PDB file of N, CA and C in Angstrom:
ATOM      1  N   MET A   1      90.623 111.974 113.907  1.00  0.00           N
ATOM      2  CA  MET A   1      91.623 111.567 114.868  1.00  0.00           C
ATOM      3  C   MET A   1      92.831 111.007 114.117  1.00  0.00           C
ATOM      4  N   ALA A   2      94.007 111.526 114.438  1.00  0.00           N
ATOM      5  CA  ALA A   2      95.233 111.042 113.823  1.00  0.00           C
ATOM      6  C   ALA A   2      95.591 109.674 114.411  1.00  0.00           C
ATOM      7  N   THR A   3      96.215 108.848 113.630  1.00  0.00           N
ATOM      8  CA  THR A   3      96.625 107.525 114.106  1.00  0.00           C
ATOM      9  C   THR A   3      98.136 107.377 113.965  1.00  0.00           C
ATOM     10  N   SER A   4      98.681 106.426 114.701  1.00  0.00           N
ATOM     11  CA  SER A   4     100.097 106.105 114.575  1.00  0.00           C
ATOM     12  C   SER A   4     100.252 104.597 114.632  1.00  0.00           C
ATOM     13  N   THR A   5     101.395 104.120 114.218  1.00  0.00           N
ATOM     14  CA  THR A   5     101.659 102.691 114.156  1.00  0.00           C
ATOM     15  C   THR A   5     102.487 102.273 115.360  1.00  0.00           C
ATOM     16  N   LEU A   6     102.117 101.141 115.948  1.00  0.00           N
ATOM     17  CA  LEU A   6     102.860 100.538 117.049  1.00  0.00           C
ATOM     18  C   LEU A   6     103.373  99.205 116.536  1.00  0.00           C
ATOM     19  N   GLN A   7     104.681  99.007 116.603  1.00  0.00           N
ATOM     20  CA  GLN A   7     105.263  97.753 116.143  1.00  0.00           C
ATOM     21  C   GLN A   7     106.009  97.121 117.305  1.00  0.00           C
ATOM     22  N   ILE A   8     105.700  95.850 117.601  1.00  0.00           N
ATOM     23  CA  ILE A   8     106.362  95.158 118.698  1.00  0.00           C
ATOM     24  C   ILE A   8     106.850  93.800 118.219  1.00  0.00           C
ATOM     25  N   ARG A   9     107.834  93.277 118.905  1.00  0.00           N
ATOM     26  CA  ARG A   9     108.325  91.925 118.630  1.00  0.00           C
ATOM     27  C   ARG A   9     107.939  91.054 119.821  1.00  0.00           C
ATOM     28  N   ILE A  10     107.334  89.900 119.517  1.00  0.00           N
ATOM     29  CA  ILE A  10     106.951  88.967 120.573  1.00  0.00           C
ATOM     30  C   ILE A  10     107.308  87.549 120.139  1.00  0.00           C
ATOM     31  N   ASP A  11     107.411  86.659 121.085  1.00  0.00           N
ATOM     32  CA  ASP A  11     107.682  85.257 120.840  1.00  0.00           C
ATOM     33  C   ASP A  11     106.580  84.671 119.958  1.00  0.00           C
ATOM     34  N   SER A  12     106.959  83.862 118.997  1.00  0.00           N
ATOM     35  CA  SER A  12     105.979  83.280 118.059  1.00  0.00           C
ATOM     36  C   SER A  12     104.927  82.438 118.763  1.00  0.00           C
ATOM     37  N   ASP A  13     105.350  81.676 119.778  1.00  0.00           N
ATOM     38  CA  ASP A  13     104.379  80.854 120.520  1.00  0.00           C
ATOM     39  C   ASP A  13     103.387  81.733 121.266  1.00  0.00           C
ATOM     40  N   LEU A  14     103.874  82.807 121.889  1.00  0.00           N
ATOM     41  CA  LEU A  14     102.984  83.736 122.589  1.00  0.00           C
ATOM     42  C   LEU A  14     101.991  84.344 121.605  1.00  0.00           C
ATOM     43  N   ARG A  15     102.461  84.721 120.432  1.00  0.00           N
ATOM     44  CA  ARG A  15     101.581  85.302 119.406  1.00  0.00           C
ATOM     45  C   ARG A  15     100.483  84.323 119.020  1.00  0.00           C
ATOM     46  N   ARG A  16     100.878  83.073 118.787  1.00  0.00           N
ATOM     47  CA  ARG A  16      99.907  82.047 118.375  1.00  0.00           C
ATOM     48  C   ARG A  16      98.865  81.816 119.482  1.00  0.00           C
ATOM     49  N   GLU A  17      99.321  81.712 120.740  1.00  0.00           N
ATOM     50  CA  GLU A  17      98.401  81.502 121.856  1.00  0.00           C
ATOM     51  C   GLU A  17      97.471  82.693 122.048  1.00  0.00           C
ATOM     52  N   ALA A  18      98.019  83.910 121.933  1.00  0.00           N
ATOM     53  CA  ALA A  18      97.206  85.119 122.089  1.00  0.00           C
ATOM     54  C   ALA A  18      96.188  85.229 120.960  1.00  0.00           C
ATOM     55  N   ASP A  19      96.616  84.947 119.737  1.00  0.00           N
ATOM     56  CA  ASP A  19      95.677  84.980 118.598  1.00  0.00           C
ATOM     57  C   ASP A  19      94.499  84.042 118.847  1.00  0.00           C
ATOM     58  N   ALA A  20      94.796  82.828 119.322  1.00  0.00           N
ATOM     59  CA  ALA A  20      93.735  81.845 119.566  1.00  0.00           C
ATOM     60  C   ALA A  20      92.811  82.303 120.691  1.00  0.00           C
ATOM     61  N   LEU A  21      93.400  82.820 121.760  1.00  0.00           N
ATOM     62  CA  LEU A  21      92.596  83.291 122.891  1.00  0.00           C
ATOM     63  C   LEU A  21      91.661  84.415 122.457  1.00  0.00           C
ATOM     64  N   PHE A  22      92.215  85.425 121.812  1.00  0.00           N
ATOM     65  CA  PHE A  22      91.393  86.571 121.430  1.00  0.00           C
ATOM     66  C   PHE A  22      90.375  86.207 120.361  1.00  0.00           C
ATOM     67  N   ALA A  23      90.731  85.315 119.450  1.00  0.00           N
ATOM     68  CA  ALA A  23      89.767  84.871 118.436  1.00  0.00           C
ATOM     69  C   ALA A  23      88.568  84.197 119.101  1.00  0.00           C
ATOM     70  N   SER A  24      88.821  83.472 120.189  1.00  0.00           N
ATOM     71  CA  SER A  24      87.721  82.794 120.873  1.00  0.00           C
ATOM     72  C   SER A  24      86.770  83.779 121.544  1.00  0.00           C
ATOM     73  N   THR A  25      87.225  85.030 121.738  1.00  0.00           N
ATOM     74  CA  THR A  25      86.361  86.057 122.326  1.00  0.00           C
ATOM     75  C   THR A  25      85.857  87.046 121.278  1.00  0.00           C
ATOM     76  N   GLY A  26      86.172  86.758 120.011  1.00  0.00           N
ATOM     77  CA  GLY A  26      85.699  87.622 118.924  1.00  0.00           C
ATOM     78  C   GLY A  26      86.603  88.808 118.647  1.00  0.00           C
ATOM     79  N   LEU A  27      87.821  88.794 119.167  1.00  0.00           N
ATOM     80  CA  LEU A  27      88.753  89.902 118.939  1.00  0.00           C
ATOM     81  C   LEU A  27      89.938  89.443 118.108  1.00  0.00           C
ATOM     82  N   ASP A  28      90.502  90.366 117.344  1.00  0.00           N
ATOM     83  CA  ASP A  28      91.795  90.087 116.743  1.00  0.00           C
ATOM     84  C   ASP A  28      92.858  90.709 117.641  1.00  0.00           C
ATOM     85  N   LEU A  29      94.122  90.421 117.369  1.00  0.00           N
ATOM     86  CA  LEU A  29      95.199  90.883 118.236  1.00  0.00           C
ATOM     87  C   LEU A  29      95.270  92.408 118.290  1.00  0.00           C
ATOM     88  N   THR A  30      95.066  93.053 117.168  1.00  0.00           N
ATOM     89  CA  THR A  30      95.102  94.519 117.132  1.00  0.00           C
ATOM     90  C   THR A  30      94.021  95.115 118.025  1.00  0.00           C
ATOM     91  N   SER A  31      92.813  94.580 117.951  1.00  0.00           N
ATOM     92  CA  SER A  31      91.717  95.083 118.787  1.00  0.00           C
ATOM     93  C   SER A  31      91.994  94.826 120.258  1.00  0.00           C
ATOM     94  N   ALA A  32      92.590  93.670 120.575  1.00  0.00           N
ATOM     95  CA  ALA A  32      92.910  93.348 121.964  1.00  0.00           C
ATOM     96  C   ALA A  32      93.951  94.319 122.522  1.00  0.00           C
ATOM     97  N   VAL A  33      94.951  94.656 121.719  1.00  0.00           N
ATOM     98  CA  VAL A  33      95.971  95.615 122.169  1.00  0.00           C
ATOM     99  C   VAL A  33      95.338  96.990 122.368  1.00  0.00           C
ATOM    100  N   ARG A  34      94.485  97.412 121.425  1.00  0.00           N
ATOM    101  CA  ARG A  34      93.779  98.694 121.589  1.00  0.00           C
ATOM    102  C   ARG A  34      92.944  98.698 122.865  1.00  0.00           C
ATOM    103  N   LEU A  35      92.252  97.600 123.123  1.00  0.00           N
ATOM    104  CA  LEU A  35      91.427  97.471 124.333  1.00  0.00           C
ATOM    105  C   LEU A  35      92.299  97.586 125.585  1.00  0.00           C
ATOM    106  N   PHE A  36      93.425  96.896 125.593  1.00  0.00           N
ATOM    107  CA  PHE A  36      94.352  96.978 126.718  1.00  0.00           C
ATOM    108  C   PHE A  36      94.812  98.422 126.935  1.00  0.00           C
ATOM    109  N   LEU A  37      95.229  99.085 125.879  1.00  0.00           N
ATOM    110  CA  LEU A  37      95.711 100.466 126.002  1.00  0.00           C
ATOM    111  C   LEU A  37      94.602 101.401 126.482  1.00  0.00           C
ATOM    112  N   ARG A  38      93.408 101.276 125.926  1.00  0.00           N
ATOM    113  CA  ARG A  38      92.302 102.148 126.320  1.00  0.00           C
ATOM    114  C   ARG A  38      91.949 101.941 127.789  1.00  0.00           C
ATOM    115  N   GLN A  39      91.851 100.690 128.224  1.00  0.00           N
ATOM    116  CA  GLN A  39      91.521 100.414 129.620  1.00  0.00           C
ATOM    117  C   GLN A  39      92.628 100.890 130.562  1.00  0.00           C
ATOM    118  N   SER A  40      93.874 100.783 130.144  1.00  0.00           N
ATOM    119  CA  SER A  40      94.989 101.292 130.952  1.00  0.00           C
ATOM    120  C   SER A  40      94.872 102.795 131.148  1.00  0.00           C
ATOM    121  N   VAL A  41      94.541 103.511 130.076  1.00  0.00           N
ATOM    122  CA  VAL A  41      94.402 104.969 130.152  1.00  0.00           C
ATOM    123  C   VAL A  41      93.188 105.348 130.999  1.00  0.00           C
ATOM    124  N   ILE A  42      92.063 104.671 130.802  1.00  0.00           N
ATOM    125  CA  ILE A  42      90.858 104.976 131.573  1.00  0.00           C
ATOM    126  C   ILE A  42      91.100 104.761 133.064  1.00  0.00           C
ATOM    127  N   ARG A  43      91.736 103.632 133.413  1.00  0.00           N
ATOM    128  CA  ARG A  43      91.951 103.290 134.817  1.00  0.00           C
ATOM    129  C   ARG A  43      93.206 103.940 135.407  1.00  0.00           C
ATOM    130  N   ARG A  44      94.064 104.441 134.520  1.00  0.00           N
ATOM    131  CA  ARG A  44      95.336 105.044 134.911  1.00  0.00           C
ATOM    132  C   ARG A  44      96.225 104.052 135.655  1.00  0.00           C
ATOM    133  N   ARG A  45      96.139 102.797 135.232  1.00  0.00           N
ATOM    134  CA  ARG A  45      96.944 101.700 135.780  1.00  0.00           C
ATOM    135  C   ARG A  45      96.759 100.500 134.863  1.00  0.00           C
ATOM    136  N   LEU A  46      97.487  99.428 135.152  1.00  0.00           N
ATOM    137  CA  LEU A  46      97.250  98.203 134.399  1.00  0.00           C
ATOM    138  C   LEU A  46      95.840  97.706 134.714  1.00  0.00           C
ATOM    139  N   PRO A  47      95.102  97.262 133.709  1.00  0.00           N
ATOM    140  CA  PRO A  47      93.705  96.863 133.953  1.00  0.00           C
ATOM    141  C   PRO A  47      93.548  95.433 134.471  1.00  0.00           C
ATOM    142  N   PHE A  48      94.598  94.886 135.040  1.00  0.00           N
ATOM    143  CA  PHE A  48      94.546  93.533 135.571  1.00  0.00           C
ATOM    144  C   PHE A  48      95.663  93.358 136.585  1.00  0.00           C
ATOM    145  N   GLU A  49      95.564  92.297 137.380  1.00  0.00           N
ATOM    146  CA  GLU A  49      96.617  91.971 138.330  1.00  0.00           C
ATOM    147  C   GLU A  49      97.723  91.235 137.587  1.00  0.00           C
ATOM    148  N   VAL A  50      98.961  91.628 137.802  1.00  0.00           N
ATOM    149  CA  VAL A  50     100.089  90.962 137.159  1.00  0.00           C
ATOM    150  C   VAL A  50     100.445  89.728 137.986  1.00  0.00           C
ATOM    151  N   VAL A  51     100.499  88.577 137.325  1.00  0.00           N
ATOM    152  CA  VAL A  51     100.834  87.329 137.996  1.00  0.00           C
ATOM    153  C   VAL A  51     102.033  86.697 137.299  1.00  0.00           C
ATOM    154  N   SER A  52     102.685  85.790 137.979  1.00  0.00           N
ATOM    155  CA  SER A  52     103.858  85.117 137.446  1.00  0.00           C
ATOM    156  C   SER A  52     103.564  83.638 137.286  1.00  0.00           C
ATOM    157  N   GLU A  53     104.201  83.023 136.314  1.00  0.00           N
ATOM    158  CA  GLU A  53     104.042  81.578 136.151  1.00  0.00           C
ATOM    159  C   GLU A  53     104.677  80.835 137.322  1.00  0.00           C
ATOM    160  N   ASN A  54     105.715  81.408 137.909  1.00  0.00           N
ATOM    161  CA  ASN A  54     106.406  80.828 139.061  1.00  0.00           C
ATOM    162  C   ASN A  54     106.456  81.872 140.168  1.00  0.00           C
ATOM    163  N   PRO A  55     105.322  82.111 140.815  1.00  0.00           N
ATOM    164  CA  PRO A  55     105.266  83.194 141.791  1.00  0.00           C
ATOM    165  C   PRO A  55     106.153  82.962 143.009  1.00  0.00           C
ATOM    166  N   ASP A  56     106.628  84.052 143.572  1.00  0.00           N
ATOM    167  CA  ASP A  56     107.399  84.026 144.806  1.00  0.00           C
ATOM    168  C   ASP A  56     106.454  83.638 145.935  1.00  0.00           C
ATOM    169  N   PRO A  57     106.769  82.581 146.711  1.00  0.00           N
ATOM    170  CA  PRO A  57     105.854  82.138 147.768  1.00  0.00           C
ATOM    171  C   PRO A  57     105.587  83.205 148.826  1.00  0.00           C
ATOM    172  N   PHE A  58     106.486  84.182 148.978  1.00  0.00           N
ATOM    173  CA  PHE A  58     106.257  85.246 149.950  1.00  0.00           C
ATOM    174  C   PHE A  58     104.957  85.971 149.651  1.00  0.00           C
ATOM    175  N   TRP A  59     104.645  86.158 148.361  1.00  0.00           N
ATOM    176  CA  TRP A  59     103.467  86.928 147.964  1.00  0.00           C
ATOM    177  C   TRP A  59     102.219  86.070 147.817  1.00  0.00           C
ATOM    178  N   SER A  60     102.308  84.793 148.152  1.00  0.00           N
ATOM    179  CA  SER A  60     101.140  83.918 148.028  1.00  0.00           C
ATOM    180  C   SER A  60     100.022  84.419 148.945  1.00  0.00           C
ATOM    181  N   GLU A  61      98.802  84.109 148.575  1.00  0.00           N
ATOM    182  CA  GLU A  61      97.643  84.538 149.360  1.00  0.00           C
ATOM    183  C   GLU A  61      97.718  84.000 150.788  1.00  0.00           C
ATOM    184  N   ALA A  62      98.142  82.743 150.927  1.00  0.00           N
ATOM    185  CA  ALA A  62      98.223  82.140 152.262  1.00  0.00           C
ATOM    186  C   ALA A  62      99.254  82.849 153.130  1.00  0.00           C
ATOM    187  N   ASN A  63     100.419  83.141 152.583  1.00  0.00           N
ATOM    188  CA  ASN A  63     101.450  83.813 153.369  1.00  0.00           C
ATOM    189  C   ASN A  63     101.035  85.244 153.711  1.00  0.00           C
ATOM    190  N   GLN A  64     100.405  85.928 152.776  1.00  0.00           N
ATOM    191  CA  GLN A  64      99.951  87.294 153.055  1.00  0.00           C
ATOM    192  C   GLN A  64      98.895  87.306 154.166  1.00  0.00           C
ATOM    193  N   ARG A  65      98.049  86.286 154.195  1.00  0.00           N
ATOM    194  CA  ARG A  65      97.038  86.177 155.255  1.00  0.00           C
ATOM    195  C   ARG A  65      97.716  85.997 156.614  1.00  0.00           C
ATOM    196  N   VAL A  66      98.723  85.118 156.681  1.00  0.00           N
ATOM    197  CA  VAL A  66      99.460  84.899 157.929  1.00  0.00           C
ATOM    198  C   VAL A  66     100.140  86.193 158.371  1.00  0.00           C
ATOM    199  N   LEU A  67     100.745  86.906 157.437  1.00  0.00           N
ATOM    200  CA  LEU A  67     101.406  88.168 157.780  1.00  0.00           C
ATOM    201  C   LEU A  67     100.407  89.202 158.299  1.00  0.00           C
ATOM    202  N   ARG A  68      99.237  89.304 157.646  1.00  0.00           N
ATOM    203  CA  ARG A  68      98.210  90.242 158.115  1.00  0.00           C
ATOM    204  C   ARG A  68      97.746  89.887 159.525  1.00  0.00           C
ATOM    205  N   GLU A  69      97.528  88.584 159.772  1.00  0.00           N
ATOM    206  CA  GLU A  69      97.101  88.140 161.101  1.00  0.00           C
ATOM    207  C   GLU A  69      98.177  88.445 162.142  1.00  0.00           C
ATOM    208  N   SER A  70      99.440  88.268 161.775  1.00  0.00           N
ATOM    209  CA  SER A  70     100.540  88.559 162.701  1.00  0.00           C
ATOM    210  C   SER A  70     100.602  90.048 163.020  1.00  0.00           C
ATOM    211  N   ILE A  71     100.448  90.878 162.016  1.00  0.00           N
ATOM    212  CA  ILE A  71     100.456  92.333 162.230  1.00  0.00           C
ATOM    213  C   ILE A  71      99.294  92.738 163.124  1.00  0.00           C
ATOM    214  N   ASP A  72      98.112  92.198 162.841  1.00  0.00           N
ATOM    215  CA  ASP A  72      96.939  92.493 163.677  1.00  0.00           C
ATOM    216  C   ASP A  72      97.195  92.092 165.128  1.00  0.00           C
ATOM    217  N   SER A  73      97.789  90.928 165.335  1.00  0.00           N
ATOM    218  CA  SER A  73      98.086  90.443 166.677  1.00  0.00           C
ATOM    219  C   SER A  73      99.056  91.381 167.388  1.00  0.00           C
ATOM    220  N   LEU A  74     100.087  91.819 166.687  1.00  0.00           N
ATOM    221  CA  LEU A  74     101.052  92.750 167.283  1.00  0.00           C
ATOM    222  C   LEU A  74     100.393  94.082 167.629  1.00  0.00           C
ATOM    223  N   GLU A  75      99.530  94.560 166.738  1.00  0.00           N
ATOM    224  CA  GLU A  75      98.852  95.835 166.992  1.00  0.00           C
ATOM    225  C   GLU A  75      97.899  95.744 168.188  1.00  0.00           C
ATOM    226  N   ARG A  76      97.395  94.554 168.485  1.00  0.00           N
ATOM    227  CA  ARG A  76      96.542  94.357 169.659  1.00  0.00           C
ATOM    228  C   ARG A  76      97.365  94.147 170.921  1.00  0.00           C
ATOM    229  N   GLY A  77      98.693  94.172 170.796  1.00  0.00           N
ATOM    230  CA  GLY A  77      99.569  93.985 171.944  1.00  0.00           C
ATOM    231  C   GLY A  77      99.730  92.538 172.349  1.00  0.00           C
ATOM    232  N   GLU A  78      99.437  91.631 171.442  1.00  0.00           N
ATOM    233  CA  GLU A  78      99.505  90.207 171.764  1.00  0.00           C
ATOM    234  C   GLU A  78     100.821  89.557 171.365  1.00  0.00           C
ATOM    235  N   GLY A  79     101.783  90.348 170.908  1.00  0.00           N
ATOM    236  CA  GLY A  79     103.064  89.792 170.482  1.00  0.00           C
ATOM    237  C   GLY A  79     103.950  89.463 171.665  1.00  0.00           C
ATOM    238  N   GLN A  80     104.939  88.627 171.429  1.00  0.00           N
ATOM    239  CA  GLN A  80     105.893  88.264 172.472  1.00  0.00           C
ATOM    240  C   GLN A  80     107.285  88.657 171.995  1.00  0.00           C
ATOM    241  N   ARG A  81     108.052  89.305 172.886  1.00  0.00           N
ATOM    242  CA  ARG A  81     109.405  89.697 172.552  1.00  0.00           C
ATOM    243  C   ARG A  81     110.319  88.473 172.664  1.00  0.00           C
ATOM    244  N   HIS A  82     111.228  88.322 171.719  1.00  0.00           N
ATOM    245  CA  HIS A  82     112.196  87.240 171.783  1.00  0.00           C
ATOM    246  C   HIS A  82     113.477  87.701 171.084  1.00  0.00           C
ATOM    247  N   GLU A  83     114.545  87.008 171.374  1.00  0.00           N
ATOM    248  CA  GLU A  83     115.829  87.314 170.747  1.00  0.00           C
ATOM    249  C   GLU A  83     115.884  86.626 169.400  1.00  0.00           C
ATOM    250  N   LEU A  84     116.524  87.288 168.457  1.00  0.00           N
ATOM    251  CA  LEU A  84     116.706  86.660 167.153  1.00  0.00           C
ATOM    252  C   LEU A  84     117.712  85.542 167.267  1.00  0.00           C
ATOM    253  N   ILE A  85     117.452  84.470 166.589  1.00  0.00           N
ATOM    254  CA  ILE A  85     118.346  83.322 166.590  1.00  0.00           C
ATOM    255  C   ILE A  85     118.962  83.220 165.207  1.00  0.00           C
ATOM    256  N   GLU A  86     120.281  83.279 165.153  1.00  0.00           N
ATOM    257  CA  GLU A  86     120.954  83.161 163.861  1.00  0.00           C
ATOM    258  C   GLU A  86     121.187  81.696 163.555  1.00  0.00           C
ATOM    259  N   ALA A  87     120.849  81.315 162.344  1.00  0.00           N
ATOM    260  CA  ALA A  87     121.028  79.910 161.960  1.00  0.00           C
ATOM    261  C   ALA A  87     122.329  79.724 161.224  1.00  0.00           C
TER     262      ALA A  87
END
């Protein structure tokens, strides 16, 4: 199997934190990147949910639950028509 080199630039703090995390699981950074790439190809998508350090509250689990319940209520014909109020 032919190989190729992948070179990336990352923040030094991120590198240090990632090295420590992967070392605690018995992996080095190169093996972790290979694992990520292999799992991405196998699954044909990112192998994890992408999250943000400062997530948008619209996408929070609680808000999504309220939206799903509202949609279900409307689909059951339980919604009430009202005029939009501009603030």
